[in-house]
Amino acid sequence: MRDDYDFSGSVKNPYAKKLKKQVTIRLDEDTVQYFKNLAEEKGLPYQSLINLYLRDCAQSHKELKIEWQ
């Protein structure tokens, strides 16, 4: 390992604005299991699948319809 490194030619990470933010969220067990099963079928991590679904909802401005009985 060197004592000094030269970072004078380095550039900013162009993807820094797209980095993910870690959050804690409480989900029902059956909801998590649904996404885990679906993710296994699709061959990707379940957290990525949940993120893709939520991103799609946000981009299409999907509104939740809640009906109390």
PDB file of N, CA and C in Angstrom:
ATOM      1  N   MET A   1       0.843  -1.172   0.000  1.00  0.00           N
ATOM      2  CA  MET A   1       0.000   0.000   0.000  1.00  0.00           C
ATOM      3  C   MET A   1       0.891   1.240   0.000  1.00  0.00           C
ATOM      4  N   ARG A   2       0.531   2.209  -0.800  1.00  0.00           N
ATOM      5  CA  ARG A   2       1.318   3.445  -0.894  1.00  0.00           C
ATOM      6  C   ARG A   2       1.057   4.347   0.300  1.00  0.00           C
ATOM      7  N   ASP A   3       2.006   5.227   0.559  1.00  0.00           N
ATOM      8  CA  ASP A   3       1.823   6.231   1.607  1.00  0.00           C
ATOM      9  C   ASP A   3       0.913   7.356   1.113  1.00  0.00           C
ATOM     10  N   ASP A   4       1.045   7.713  -0.170  1.00  0.00           N
ATOM     11  CA  ASP A   4       0.267   8.806  -0.752  1.00  0.00           C
ATOM     12  C   ASP A   4      -0.343   8.363  -2.077  1.00  0.00           C
ATOM     13  N   TYR A   5      -1.507   8.909  -2.373  1.00  0.00           N
ATOM     14  CA  TYR A   5      -2.175   8.653  -3.647  1.00  0.00           C
ATOM     15  C   TYR A   5      -2.486   9.993  -4.302  1.00  0.00           C
ATOM     16  N   ASP A   6      -2.405  10.025  -5.637  1.00  0.00           N
ATOM     17  CA  ASP A   6      -2.664  11.252  -6.383  1.00  0.00           C
ATOM     18  C   ASP A   6      -4.086  11.202  -6.948  1.00  0.00           C
ATOM     19  N   PHE A   7      -4.981  12.015  -6.398  1.00  0.00           N
ATOM     20  CA  PHE A   7      -6.366  12.075  -6.863  1.00  0.00           C
ATOM     21  C   PHE A   7      -6.632  13.321  -7.707  1.00  0.00           C
ATOM     22  N   SER A   8      -5.588  13.985  -8.186  1.00  0.00           N
ATOM     23  CA  SER A   8      -5.752  15.228  -8.935  1.00  0.00           C
ATOM     24  C   SER A   8      -6.483  15.008 -10.267  1.00  0.00           C
ATOM     25  N   GLY A   9      -6.408  13.824 -10.825  1.00  0.00           N
ATOM     26  CA  GLY A   9      -7.068  13.549 -12.103  1.00  0.00           C
ATOM     27  C   GLY A   9      -8.414  12.861 -11.942  1.00  0.00           C
ATOM     28  N   SER A  10      -8.909  12.766 -10.727  1.00  0.00           N
ATOM     29  CA  SER A  10     -10.175  12.060 -10.495  1.00  0.00           C
ATOM     30  C   SER A  10     -11.365  12.912 -10.914  1.00  0.00           C
ATOM     31  N   VAL A  11     -12.463  12.241 -11.182  1.00  0.00           N
ATOM     32  CA  VAL A  11     -13.697  12.922 -11.572  1.00  0.00           C
ATOM     33  C   VAL A  11     -14.812  12.512 -10.617  1.00  0.00           C
ATOM     34  N   LYS A  12     -15.822  13.365 -10.503  1.00  0.00           N
ATOM     35  CA  LYS A  12     -16.968  13.069  -9.653  1.00  0.00           C
ATOM     36  C   LYS A  12     -17.734  11.874 -10.207  1.00  0.00           C
ATOM     37  N   ASN A  13     -18.357  11.127  -9.327  1.00  0.00           N
ATOM     38  CA  ASN A  13     -19.184   9.995  -9.720  1.00  0.00           C
ATOM     39  C   ASN A  13     -20.431  10.520 -10.438  1.00  0.00           C
ATOM     40  N   PRO A  14     -20.603  10.182 -11.731  1.00  0.00           N
ATOM     41  CA  PRO A  14     -21.765  10.697 -12.464  1.00  0.00           C
ATOM     42  C   PRO A  14     -23.088  10.083 -11.993  1.00  0.00           C
ATOM     43  N   TYR A  15     -23.014   9.006 -11.240  1.00  0.00           N
ATOM     44  CA  TYR A  15     -24.216   8.330 -10.770  1.00  0.00           C
ATOM     45  C   TYR A  15     -24.537   8.659  -9.318  1.00  0.00           C
ATOM     46  N   ALA A  16     -23.822   9.594  -8.721  1.00  0.00           N
ATOM     47  CA  ALA A  16     -23.992   9.903  -7.298  1.00  0.00           C
ATOM     48  C   ALA A  16     -25.421  10.318  -6.966  1.00  0.00           C
ATOM     49  N   LYS A  17     -26.095  11.014  -7.865  1.00  0.00           N
ATOM     50  CA  LYS A  17     -27.465  11.446  -7.597  1.00  0.00           C
ATOM     51  C   LYS A  17     -28.443  10.280  -7.642  1.00  0.00           C
ATOM     52  N   LYS A  18     -28.052   9.180  -8.274  1.00  0.00           N
ATOM     53  CA  LYS A  18     -28.940   8.031  -8.403  1.00  0.00           C
ATOM     54  C   LYS A  18     -28.646   6.952  -7.359  1.00  0.00           C
ATOM     55  N   LEU A  19     -27.788   7.258  -6.397  1.00  0.00           N
ATOM     56  CA  LEU A  19     -27.488   6.273  -5.368  1.00  0.00           C
ATOM     57  C   LEU A  19     -28.727   5.995  -4.538  1.00  0.00           C
ATOM     58  N   LYS A  20     -28.788   4.818  -4.000  1.00  0.00           N
ATOM     59  CA  LYS A  20     -29.957   4.425  -3.213  1.00  0.00           C
ATOM     60  C   LYS A  20     -29.838   4.908  -1.780  1.00  0.00           C
ATOM     61  N   LYS A  21     -30.967   5.135  -1.170  1.00  0.00           N
ATOM     62  CA  LYS A  21     -31.029   5.563   0.227  1.00  0.00           C
ATOM     63  C   LYS A  21     -31.591   4.412   1.042  1.00  0.00           C
ATOM     64  N   GLN A  22     -30.893   4.048   2.090  1.00  0.00           N
ATOM     65  CA  GLN A  22     -31.358   2.973   2.951  1.00  0.00           C
ATOM     66  C   GLN A  22     -32.412   3.504   3.910  1.00  0.00           C
ATOM     67  N   VAL A  23     -33.549   2.802   3.974  1.00  0.00           N
ATOM     68  CA  VAL A  23     -34.631   3.171   4.886  1.00  0.00           C
ATOM     69  C   VAL A  23     -35.134   1.910   5.586  1.00  0.00           C
ATOM     70  N   THR A  24     -35.789   2.117   6.691  1.00  0.00           N
ATOM     71  CA  THR A  24     -36.427   1.005   7.394  1.00  0.00           C
ATOM     72  C   THR A  24     -37.920   1.107   7.129  1.00  0.00           C
ATOM     73  N   ILE A  25     -38.507  -0.011   6.739  1.00  0.00           N
ATOM     74  CA  ILE A  25     -39.928  -0.016   6.421  1.00  0.00           C
ATOM     75  C   ILE A  25     -40.538  -1.295   7.002  1.00  0.00           C
ATOM     76  N   ARG A  26     -41.732  -1.169   7.546  1.00  0.00           N
ATOM     77  CA  ARG A  26     -42.405  -2.327   8.109  1.00  0.00           C
ATOM     78  C   ARG A  26     -43.423  -2.842   7.101  1.00  0.00           C
ATOM     79  N   LEU A  27     -43.268  -4.100   6.710  1.00  0.00           N
ATOM     80  CA  LEU A  27     -44.155  -4.721   5.735  1.00  0.00           C
ATOM     81  C   LEU A  27     -44.751  -5.991   6.327  1.00  0.00           C
ATOM     82  N   ASP A  28     -45.955  -6.324   5.895  1.00  0.00           N
ATOM     83  CA  ASP A  28     -46.564  -7.576   6.321  1.00  0.00           C
ATOM     84  C   ASP A  28     -45.730  -8.748   5.804  1.00  0.00           C
ATOM     85  N   GLU A  29     -45.696  -9.827   6.582  1.00  0.00           N
ATOM     86  CA  GLU A  29     -44.913 -11.002   6.201  1.00  0.00           C
ATOM     87  C   GLU A  29     -45.365 -11.574   4.869  1.00  0.00           C
ATOM     88  N   ASP A  30     -46.677 -11.622   4.642  1.00  0.00           N
ATOM     89  CA  ASP A  30     -47.171 -12.183   3.381  1.00  0.00           C
ATOM     90  C   ASP A  30     -46.809 -11.306   2.182  1.00  0.00           C
ATOM     91  N   THR A  31     -46.702 -10.003   2.400  1.00  0.00           N
ATOM     92  CA  THR A  31     -46.286  -9.095   1.330  1.00  0.00           C
ATOM     93  C   THR A  31     -44.829  -9.344   0.956  1.00  0.00           C
ATOM     94  N   VAL A  32     -43.983  -9.466   1.963  1.00  0.00           N
ATOM     95  CA  VAL A  32     -42.554  -9.740   1.723  1.00  0.00           C
ATOM     96  C   VAL A  32     -42.403 -11.082   1.022  1.00  0.00           C
ATOM     97  N   GLN A  33     -43.151 -12.079   1.480  1.00  0.00           N
ATOM     98  CA  GLN A  33     -43.059 -13.406   0.870  1.00  0.00           C
ATOM     99  C   GLN A  33     -43.510 -13.390  -0.586  1.00  0.00           C
ATOM    100  N   TYR A  34     -44.542 -12.612  -0.875  1.00  0.00           N
ATOM    101  CA  TYR A  34     -45.002 -12.474  -2.266  1.00  0.00           C
ATOM    102  C   TYR A  34     -43.876 -11.951  -3.149  1.00  0.00           C
ATOM    103  N   PHE A  35     -43.214 -10.876  -2.704  1.00  0.00           N
ATOM    104  CA  PHE A  35     -42.139 -10.295  -3.506  1.00  0.00           C
ATOM    105  C   PHE A  35     -40.919 -11.203  -3.558  1.00  0.00           C
ATOM    106  N   LYS A  36     -40.645 -11.956  -2.494  1.00  0.00           N
ATOM    107  CA  LYS A  36     -39.530 -12.907  -2.517  1.00  0.00           C
ATOM    108  C   LYS A  36     -39.790 -14.013  -3.538  1.00  0.00           C
ATOM    109  N   ASN A  37     -41.009 -14.534  -3.563  1.00  0.00           N
ATOM    110  CA  ASN A  37     -41.355 -15.574  -4.532  1.00  0.00           C
ATOM    111  C   ASN A  37     -41.294 -15.050  -5.960  1.00  0.00           C
ATOM    112  N   LEU A  38     -41.841 -13.860  -6.174  1.00  0.00           N
ATOM    113  CA  LEU A  38     -41.824 -13.257  -7.505  1.00  0.00           C
ATOM    114  C   LEU A  38     -40.395 -12.961  -7.949  1.00  0.00           C
ATOM    115  N   ALA A  39     -39.587 -12.469  -7.031  1.00  0.00           N
ATOM    116  CA  ALA A  39     -38.196 -12.155  -7.352  1.00  0.00           C
ATOM    117  C   ALA A  39     -37.413 -13.414  -7.711  1.00  0.00           C
ATOM    118  N   GLU A  40     -37.702 -14.504  -7.017  1.00  0.00           N
ATOM    119  CA  GLU A  40     -37.021 -15.766  -7.323  1.00  0.00           C
ATOM    120  C   GLU A  40     -37.379 -16.233  -8.729  1.00  0.00           C
ATOM    121  N   GLU A  41     -38.649 -16.089  -9.108  1.00  0.00           N
ATOM    122  CA  GLU A  41     -39.090 -16.448 -10.460  1.00  0.00           C
ATOM    123  C   GLU A  41     -38.385 -15.601 -11.512  1.00  0.00           C
ATOM    124  N   LYS A  42     -38.213 -14.312 -11.209  1.00  0.00           N
ATOM    125  CA  LYS A  42     -37.627 -13.370 -12.174  1.00  0.00           C
ATOM    126  C   LYS A  42     -36.102 -13.364 -12.136  1.00  0.00           C
ATOM    127  N   GLY A  43     -35.522 -13.921 -11.069  1.00  0.00           N
ATOM    128  CA  GLY A  43     -34.065 -14.006 -10.980  1.00  0.00           C
ATOM    129  C   GLY A  43     -33.397 -12.709 -10.553  1.00  0.00           C
ATOM    130  N   LEU A  44     -34.035 -11.973  -9.641  1.00  0.00           N
ATOM    131  CA  LEU A  44     -33.421 -10.765  -9.118  1.00  0.00           C
ATOM    132  C   LEU A  44     -33.730 -10.635  -7.633  1.00  0.00           C
ATOM    133  N   PRO A  45     -32.972  -9.824  -6.918  1.00  0.00           N
ATOM    134  CA  PRO A  45     -33.201  -9.670  -5.479  1.00  0.00           C
ATOM    135  C   PRO A  45     -34.577  -9.065  -5.192  1.00  0.00           C
ATOM    136  N   TYR A  46     -35.209  -9.546  -4.131  1.00  0.00           N
ATOM    137  CA  TYR A  46     -36.569  -9.093  -3.831  1.00  0.00           C
ATOM    138  C   TYR A  46     -36.616  -7.604  -3.493  1.00  0.00           C
ATOM    139  N   GLN A  47     -35.563  -7.071  -2.868  1.00  0.00           N
ATOM    140  CA  GLN A  47     -35.560  -5.649  -2.549  1.00  0.00           C
ATOM    141  C   GLN A  47     -35.507  -4.810  -3.829  1.00  0.00           C
ATOM    142  N   SER A  48     -34.792  -5.301  -4.824  1.00  0.00           N
ATOM    143  CA  SER A  48     -34.756  -4.609  -6.120  1.00  0.00           C
ATOM    144  C   SER A  48     -36.122  -4.643  -6.786  1.00  0.00           C
ATOM    145  N   LEU A  49     -36.799  -5.772  -6.658  1.00  0.00           N
ATOM    146  CA  LEU A  49     -38.142  -5.889  -7.242  1.00  0.00           C
ATOM    147  C   LEU A  49     -39.125  -4.932  -6.568  1.00  0.00           C
ATOM    148  N   ILE A  50     -39.066  -4.847  -5.247  1.00  0.00           N
ATOM    149  CA  ILE A  50     -39.923  -3.901  -4.523  1.00  0.00           C
ATOM    150  C   ILE A  50     -39.605  -2.480  -4.965  1.00  0.00           C
ATOM    151  N   ASN A  51     -38.314  -2.167  -5.112  1.00  0.00           N
ATOM    152  CA  ASN A  51     -37.909  -0.830  -5.556  1.00  0.00           C
ATOM    153  C   ASN A  51     -38.446  -0.540  -6.961  1.00  0.00           C
ATOM    154  N   LEU A  52     -38.348  -1.511  -7.863  1.00  0.00           N
ATOM    155  CA  LEU A  52     -38.859  -1.319  -9.223  1.00  0.00           C
ATOM    156  C   LEU A  52     -40.365  -1.063  -9.217  1.00  0.00           C
ATOM    157  N   TYR A  53     -41.087  -1.812  -8.387  1.00  0.00           N
ATOM    158  CA  TYR A  53     -42.543  -1.634  -8.299  1.00  0.00           C
ATOM    159  C   TYR A  53     -42.893  -0.252  -7.753  1.00  0.00           C
ATOM    160  N   LEU A  54     -42.214   0.151  -6.682  1.00  0.00           N
ATOM    161  CA  LEU A  54     -42.496   1.466  -6.095  1.00  0.00           C
ATOM    162  C   LEU A  54     -42.096   2.596  -7.042  1.00  0.00           C
ATOM    163  N   ARG A  55     -40.987   2.422  -7.767  1.00  0.00           N
ATOM    164  CA  ARG A  55     -40.564   3.432  -8.739  1.00  0.00           C
ATOM    165  C   ARG A  55     -41.609   3.572  -9.835  1.00  0.00           C
ATOM    166  N   ASP A  56     -42.141   2.430 -10.311  1.00  0.00           N
ATOM    167  CA  ASP A  56     -43.175   2.462 -11.345  1.00  0.00           C
ATOM    168  C   ASP A  56     -44.414   3.202 -10.842  1.00  0.00           C
ATOM    169  N   CYS A  57     -44.797   2.942  -9.599  1.00  0.00           N
ATOM    170  CA  CYS A  57     -45.949   3.636  -9.013  1.00  0.00           C
ATOM    171  C   CYS A  57     -45.699   5.143  -8.946  1.00  0.00           C
ATOM    172  N   ALA A  58     -44.493   5.528  -8.534  1.00  0.00           N
ATOM    173  CA  ALA A  58     -44.157   6.951  -8.399  1.00  0.00           C
ATOM    174  C   ALA A  58     -44.116   7.642  -9.763  1.00  0.00           C
ATOM    175  N   GLN A  59     -43.518   6.979 -10.757  1.00  0.00           N
ATOM    176  CA  GLN A  59     -43.388   7.595 -12.077  1.00  0.00           C
ATOM    177  C   GLN A  59     -44.732   7.736 -12.779  1.00  0.00           C
ATOM    178  N   SER A  60     -45.635   6.811 -12.521  1.00  0.00           N
ATOM    179  CA  SER A  60     -46.946   6.892 -13.164  1.00  0.00           C
ATOM    180  C   SER A  60     -47.965   7.622 -12.285  1.00  0.00           C
ATOM    181  N   HIS A  61     -47.499   8.164 -11.163  1.00  0.00           N
ATOM    182  CA  HIS A  61     -48.354   8.904 -10.226  1.00  0.00           C
ATOM    183  C   HIS A  61     -49.580   8.092  -9.826  1.00  0.00           C
ATOM    184  N   LYS A  62     -49.342   6.820  -9.585  1.00  0.00           N
ATOM    185  CA  LYS A  62     -50.429   5.927  -9.180  1.00  0.00           C
ATOM    186  C   LYS A  62     -50.944   6.339  -7.804  1.00  0.00           C
ATOM    187  N   GLU A  63     -52.258   6.420  -7.688  1.00  0.00           N
ATOM    188  CA  GLU A  63     -52.853   6.809  -6.412  1.00  0.00           C
ATOM    189  C   GLU A  63     -53.497   5.598  -5.758  1.00  0.00           C
ATOM    190  N   LEU A  64     -53.344   5.507  -4.472  1.00  0.00           N
ATOM    191  CA  LEU A  64     -53.906   4.410  -3.701  1.00  0.00           C
ATOM    192  C   LEU A  64     -55.365   4.701  -3.385  1.00  0.00           C
ATOM    193  N   LYS A  65     -56.197   3.709  -3.611  1.00  0.00           N
ATOM    194  CA  LYS A  65     -57.618   3.853  -3.283  1.00  0.00           C
ATOM    195  C   LYS A  65     -57.881   3.067  -2.005  1.00  0.00           C
ATOM    196  N   ILE A  66     -58.239   3.769  -0.966  1.00  0.00           N
ATOM    197  CA  ILE A  66     -58.495   3.139   0.330  1.00  0.00           C
ATOM    198  C   ILE A  66     -59.978   3.209   0.626  1.00  0.00           C
ATOM    199  N   GLU A  67     -60.543   2.070   0.942  1.00  0.00           N
ATOM    200  CA  GLU A  67     -61.956   2.018   1.321  1.00  0.00           C
ATOM    201  C   GLU A  67     -62.041   1.377   2.689  1.00  0.00           C
ATOM    202  N   TRP A  68     -62.577   2.096   3.664  1.00  0.00           N
ATOM    203  CA  TRP A  68     -62.741   1.568   5.012  1.00  0.00           C
ATOM    204  C   TRP A  68     -64.097   0.934   5.128  1.00  0.00           C
ATOM    205  N   GLN A  69     -64.125  -0.239   5.708  1.00  0.00           N
ATOM    206  CA  GLN A  69     -65.403  -0.937   5.854  1.00  0.00           C
ATOM    207  C   GLN A  69     -65.785  -1.022   7.308  1.00  0.00           C
TER     208      GLN A  69
END
